Amino acid sequence: MTADTTAKIASFAIMYLARVRHEEALLLEAFGAEYNSCMERTGRLFPARRRSA
């Protein structure tokens, strides 16, 4: 993997995560506690593993 490719991947990841945070803020504003409850049960980018009881 070249340095150029690595820089592109890193740039994409930074921009993508910034976009996710922005969208989460919008969804929290629109749906409030209901969306916050959903956020607690799910993962941000990948499905969260359930904790065993």
PDB file of N, CA and C in Angstrom:
ATOM      1  N   MET A   1       0.845  -1.164   0.000  1.00  0.00           N
ATOM      2  CA  MET A   1       0.000   0.000   0.000  1.00  0.00           C
ATOM      3  C   MET A   1       0.901   1.241   0.000  1.00  0.00           C
ATOM      4  N   THR A   2       0.634   2.142  -0.903  1.00  0.00           N
ATOM      5  CA  THR A   2       1.476   3.327  -1.008  1.00  0.00           C
ATOM      6  C   THR A   2       1.062   4.368   0.025  1.00  0.00           C
ATOM      7  N   ALA A   3       1.932   5.332   0.241  1.00  0.00           N
ATOM      8  CA  ALA A   3       1.645   6.420   1.175  1.00  0.00           C
ATOM      9  C   ALA A   3       0.428   7.215   0.715  1.00  0.00           C
ATOM     10  N   ASP A   4       0.279   7.361  -0.598  1.00  0.00           N
ATOM     11  CA  ASP A   4      -0.863   8.094  -1.142  1.00  0.00           C
ATOM     12  C   ASP A   4      -2.172   7.372  -0.821  1.00  0.00           C
ATOM     13  N   THR A   5      -2.183   6.078  -0.981  1.00  0.00           N
ATOM     14  CA  THR A   5      -3.383   5.289  -0.676  1.00  0.00           C
ATOM     15  C   THR A   5      -3.705   5.352   0.810  1.00  0.00           C
ATOM     16  N   THR A   6      -2.697   5.246   1.643  1.00  0.00           N
ATOM     17  CA  THR A   6      -2.887   5.330   3.084  1.00  0.00           C
ATOM     18  C   THR A   6      -3.464   6.682   3.471  1.00  0.00           C
ATOM     19  N   ALA A   7      -2.964   7.744   2.884  1.00  0.00           N
ATOM     20  CA  ALA A   7      -3.471   9.090   3.173  1.00  0.00           C
ATOM     21  C   ALA A   7      -4.929   9.229   2.740  1.00  0.00           C
ATOM     22  N   LYS A   8      -5.279   8.657   1.603  1.00  0.00           N
ATOM     23  CA  LYS A   8      -6.666   8.718   1.130  1.00  0.00           C
ATOM     24  C   LYS A   8      -7.596   7.961   2.067  1.00  0.00           C
ATOM     25  N   ILE A   9      -7.179   6.799   2.513  1.00  0.00           N
ATOM     26  CA  ILE A   9      -8.002   6.002   3.427  1.00  0.00           C
ATOM     27  C   ILE A   9      -8.174   6.738   4.753  1.00  0.00           C
ATOM     28  N   ALA A  10      -7.100   7.299   5.270  1.00  0.00           N
ATOM     29  CA  ALA A  10      -7.171   8.044   6.523  1.00  0.00           C
ATOM     30  C   ALA A  10      -8.080   9.264   6.388  1.00  0.00           C
ATOM     31  N   SER A  11      -7.968   9.981   5.284  1.00  0.00           N
ATOM     32  CA  SER A  11      -8.821  11.154   5.046  1.00  0.00           C
ATOM     33  C   SER A  11     -10.289  10.752   4.975  1.00  0.00           C
ATOM     34  N   PHE A  12     -10.574   9.675   4.263  1.00  0.00           N
ATOM     35  CA  PHE A  12     -11.955   9.196   4.163  1.00  0.00           C
ATOM     36  C   PHE A  12     -12.495   8.831   5.541  1.00  0.00           C
ATOM     37  N   ALA A  13     -11.714   8.117   6.335  1.00  0.00           N
ATOM     38  CA  ALA A  13     -12.163   7.697   7.662  1.00  0.00           C
ATOM     39  C   ALA A  13     -12.480   8.899   8.543  1.00  0.00           C
ATOM     40  N   ILE A  14     -11.638   9.904   8.516  1.00  0.00           N
ATOM     41  CA  ILE A  14     -11.861  11.112   9.319  1.00  0.00           C
ATOM     42  C   ILE A  14     -13.136  11.821   8.873  1.00  0.00           C
ATOM     43  N   MET A  15     -13.313  11.989   7.574  1.00  0.00           N
ATOM     44  CA  MET A  15     -14.511  12.661   7.060  1.00  0.00           C
ATOM     45  C   MET A  15     -15.764  11.838   7.344  1.00  0.00           C
ATOM     46  N   TYR A  16     -15.674  10.526   7.206  1.00  0.00           N
ATOM     47  CA  TYR A  16     -16.824   9.661   7.435  1.00  0.00           C
ATOM     48  C   TYR A  16     -17.264   9.729   8.889  1.00  0.00           C
ATOM     49  N   LEU A  17     -16.317   9.642   9.814  1.00  0.00           N
ATOM     50  CA  LEU A  17     -16.662   9.701  11.230  1.00  0.00           C
ATOM     51  C   LEU A  17     -17.240  11.063  11.611  1.00  0.00           C
ATOM     52  N   ALA A  18     -16.725  12.122  11.006  1.00  0.00           N
ATOM     53  CA  ALA A  18     -17.293  13.453  11.258  1.00  0.00           C
ATOM     54  C   ALA A  18     -18.732  13.515  10.768  1.00  0.00           C
ATOM     55  N   ARG A  19     -18.992  12.926   9.626  1.00  0.00           N
ATOM     56  CA  ARG A  19     -20.356  12.904   9.073  1.00  0.00           C
ATOM     57  C   ARG A  19     -21.295  12.100   9.963  1.00  0.00           C
ATOM     58  N   VAL A  20     -20.827  10.972  10.468  1.00  0.00           N
ATOM     59  CA  VAL A  20     -21.651  10.147  11.353  1.00  0.00           C
ATOM     60  C   VAL A  20     -22.035  10.934  12.598  1.00  0.00           C
ATOM     61  N   ARG A  21     -21.089  11.628  13.192  1.00  0.00           N
ATOM     62  CA  ARG A  21     -21.380  12.436  14.386  1.00  0.00           C
ATOM     63  C   ARG A  21     -22.397  13.529  14.078  1.00  0.00           C
ATOM     64  N   HIS A  22     -22.240  14.158  12.934  1.00  0.00           N
ATOM     65  CA  HIS A  22     -23.175  15.212  12.526  1.00  0.00           C
ATOM     66  C   HIS A  22     -24.581  14.641  12.366  1.00  0.00           C
ATOM     67  N   GLU A  23     -24.698  13.515  11.693  1.00  0.00           N
ATOM     68  CA  GLU A  23     -26.007  12.897  11.483  1.00  0.00           C
ATOM     69  C   GLU A  23     -26.621  12.437  12.799  1.00  0.00           C
ATOM     70  N   GLU A  24     -25.803  11.921  13.710  1.00  0.00           N
ATOM     71  CA  GLU A  24     -26.328  11.512  15.012  1.00  0.00           C
ATOM     72  C   GLU A  24     -26.899  12.710  15.760  1.00  0.00           C
ATOM     73  N   ALA A  25     -26.223  13.842  15.690  1.00  0.00           N
ATOM     74  CA  ALA A  25     -26.725  15.056  16.349  1.00  0.00           C
ATOM     75  C   ALA A  25     -28.070  15.476  15.754  1.00  0.00           C
ATOM     76  N   LEU A  26     -28.190  15.401  14.431  1.00  0.00           N
ATOM     77  CA  LEU A  26     -29.453  15.747  13.790  1.00  0.00           C
ATOM     78  C   LEU A  26     -30.571  14.793  14.212  1.00  0.00           C
ATOM     79  N   LEU A  27     -30.255  13.505  14.269  1.00  0.00           N
ATOM     80  CA  LEU A  27     -31.251  12.519  14.661  1.00  0.00           C
ATOM     81  C   LEU A  27     -31.652  12.670  16.122  1.00  0.00           C
ATOM     82  N   LEU A  28     -30.709  13.002  16.984  1.00  0.00           N
ATOM     83  CA  LEU A  28     -31.041  13.257  18.386  1.00  0.00           C
ATOM     84  C   LEU A  28     -31.961  14.467  18.509  1.00  0.00           C
ATOM     85  N   GLU A  29     -31.700  15.480  17.721  1.00  0.00           N
ATOM     86  CA  GLU A  29     -32.542  16.677  17.739  1.00  0.00           C
ATOM     87  C   GLU A  29     -33.954  16.349  17.249  1.00  0.00           C
ATOM     88  N   ALA A  30     -34.045  15.532  16.234  1.00  0.00           N
ATOM     89  CA  ALA A  30     -35.346  15.204  15.647  1.00  0.00           C
ATOM     90  C   ALA A  30     -36.140  14.209  16.487  1.00  0.00           C
ATOM     91  N   PHE A  31     -35.473  13.196  17.063  1.00  0.00           N
ATOM     92  CA  PHE A  31     -36.188  12.105  17.723  1.00  0.00           C
ATOM     93  C   PHE A  31     -35.947  12.012  19.226  1.00  0.00           C
ATOM     94  N   GLY A  32     -35.004  12.774  19.748  1.00  0.00           N
ATOM     95  CA  GLY A  32     -34.782  12.867  21.188  1.00  0.00           C
ATOM     96  C   GLY A  32     -34.471  11.549  21.878  1.00  0.00           C
ATOM     97  N   ALA A  33     -35.215  11.309  22.962  1.00  0.00           N
ATOM     98  CA  ALA A  33     -34.959  10.159  23.828  1.00  0.00           C
ATOM     99  C   ALA A  33     -35.123   8.830  23.098  1.00  0.00           C
ATOM    100  N   GLU A  34     -36.027   8.786  22.143  1.00  0.00           N
ATOM    101  CA  GLU A  34     -36.236   7.541  21.395  1.00  0.00           C
ATOM    102  C   GLU A  34     -34.968   7.152  20.622  1.00  0.00           C
ATOM    103  N   TYR A  35     -34.341   8.127  19.973  1.00  0.00           N
ATOM    104  CA  TYR A  35     -33.105   7.830  19.238  1.00  0.00           C
ATOM    105  C   TYR A  35     -31.953   7.558  20.202  1.00  0.00           C
ATOM    106  N   ASN A  36     -31.920   8.260  21.314  1.00  0.00           N
ATOM    107  CA  ASN A  36     -30.870   8.028  22.303  1.00  0.00           C
ATOM    108  C   ASN A  36     -30.941   6.599  22.826  1.00  0.00           C
ATOM    109  N   SER A  37     -32.138   6.100  23.042  1.00  0.00           N
ATOM    110  CA  SER A  37     -32.326   4.714  23.469  1.00  0.00           C
ATOM    111  C   SER A  37     -31.804   3.751  22.408  1.00  0.00           C
ATOM    112  N   CYS A  38     -32.076   4.065  21.157  1.00  0.00           N
ATOM    113  CA  CYS A  38     -31.583   3.236  20.048  1.00  0.00           C
ATOM    114  C   CYS A  38     -30.049   3.239  20.015  1.00  0.00           C
ATOM    115  N   MET A  39     -29.443   4.403  20.225  1.00  0.00           N
ATOM    116  CA  MET A  39     -27.984   4.514  20.218  1.00  0.00           C
ATOM    117  C   MET A  39     -27.351   3.641  21.310  1.00  0.00           C
ATOM    118  N   GLU A  40     -28.025   3.554  22.452  1.00  0.00           N
ATOM    119  CA  GLU A  40     -27.494   2.758  23.559  1.00  0.00           C
ATOM    120  C   GLU A  40     -27.518   1.263  23.259  1.00  0.00           C
ATOM    121  N   ARG A  41     -28.442   0.828  22.393  1.00  0.00           N
ATOM    122  CA  ARG A  41     -28.581  -0.591  22.083  1.00  0.00           C
ATOM    123  C   ARG A  41     -27.765  -1.037  20.874  1.00  0.00           C
ATOM    124  N   THR A  42     -27.334  -0.113  20.057  1.00  0.00           N
ATOM    125  CA  THR A  42     -26.661  -0.471  18.812  1.00  0.00           C
ATOM    126  C   THR A  42     -25.263   0.127  18.744  1.00  0.00           C
ATOM    127  N   GLY A  43     -24.452  -0.389  17.842  1.00  0.00           N
ATOM    128  CA  GLY A  43     -23.117   0.141  17.639  1.00  0.00           C
ATOM    129  C   GLY A  43     -23.140   1.318  16.669  1.00  0.00           C
ATOM    130  N   ARG A  44     -22.124   2.130  16.704  1.00  0.00           N
ATOM    131  CA  ARG A  44     -22.074   3.292  15.823  1.00  0.00           C
ATOM    132  C   ARG A  44     -21.823   2.880  14.374  1.00  0.00           C
ATOM    133  N   LEU A  45     -20.825   2.076  14.133  1.00  0.00           N
ATOM    134  CA  LEU A  45     -20.492   1.667  12.770  1.00  0.00           C
ATOM    135  C   LEU A  45     -20.778   0.195  12.497  1.00  0.00           C
ATOM    136  N   PHE A  46     -20.683  -0.608  13.531  1.00  0.00           N
ATOM    137  CA  PHE A  46     -20.895  -2.042  13.397  1.00  0.00           C
ATOM    138  C   PHE A  46     -21.894  -2.481  14.472  1.00  0.00           C
ATOM    139  N   PRO A  47     -22.649  -3.534  14.213  1.00  0.00           N
ATOM    140  CA  PRO A  47     -23.593  -4.007  15.236  1.00  0.00           C
ATOM    141  C   PRO A  47     -22.872  -4.310  16.543  1.00  0.00           C
ATOM    142  N   ALA A  48     -23.475  -3.887  17.631  1.00  0.00           N
ATOM    143  CA  ALA A  48     -22.878  -4.128  18.947  1.00  0.00           C
ATOM    144  C   ALA A  48     -23.133  -5.566  19.363  1.00  0.00           C
ATOM    145  N   ARG A  49     -22.196  -6.134  20.048  1.00  0.00           N
ATOM    146  CA  ARG A  49     -22.385  -7.480  20.583  1.00  0.00           C
ATOM    147  C   ARG A  49     -23.205  -7.353  21.859  1.00  0.00           C
ATOM    148  N   ARG A  50     -24.137  -8.264  22.028  1.00  0.00           N
ATOM    149  CA  ARG A  50     -24.953  -8.256  23.228  1.00  0.00           C
ATOM    150  C   ARG A  50     -24.123  -8.765  24.407  1.00  0.00           C
ATOM    151  N   ARG A  51     -24.319  -8.114  25.521  1.00  0.00           N
ATOM    152  CA  ARG A  51     -23.646  -8.556  26.733  1.00  0.00           C
ATOM    153  C   ARG A  51     -24.424  -9.720  27.326  1.00  0.00           C
ATOM    154  N   SER A  52     -23.701 -10.717  27.776  1.00  0.00           N
ATOM    155  CA  SER A  52     -24.391 -11.868  28.378  1.00  0.00           C
ATOM    156  C   SER A  52     -24.867 -11.486  29.768  1.00  0.00           C
ATOM    157  N   ALA A  53     -26.005 -11.999  30.141  1.00  0.00           N
ATOM    158  CA  ALA A  53     -26.616 -11.665  31.447  1.00  0.00           C
ATOM    159  C   ALA A  53     -26.040 -12.471  32.563  1.00  0.00           C
TER     160      ALA A  53
END
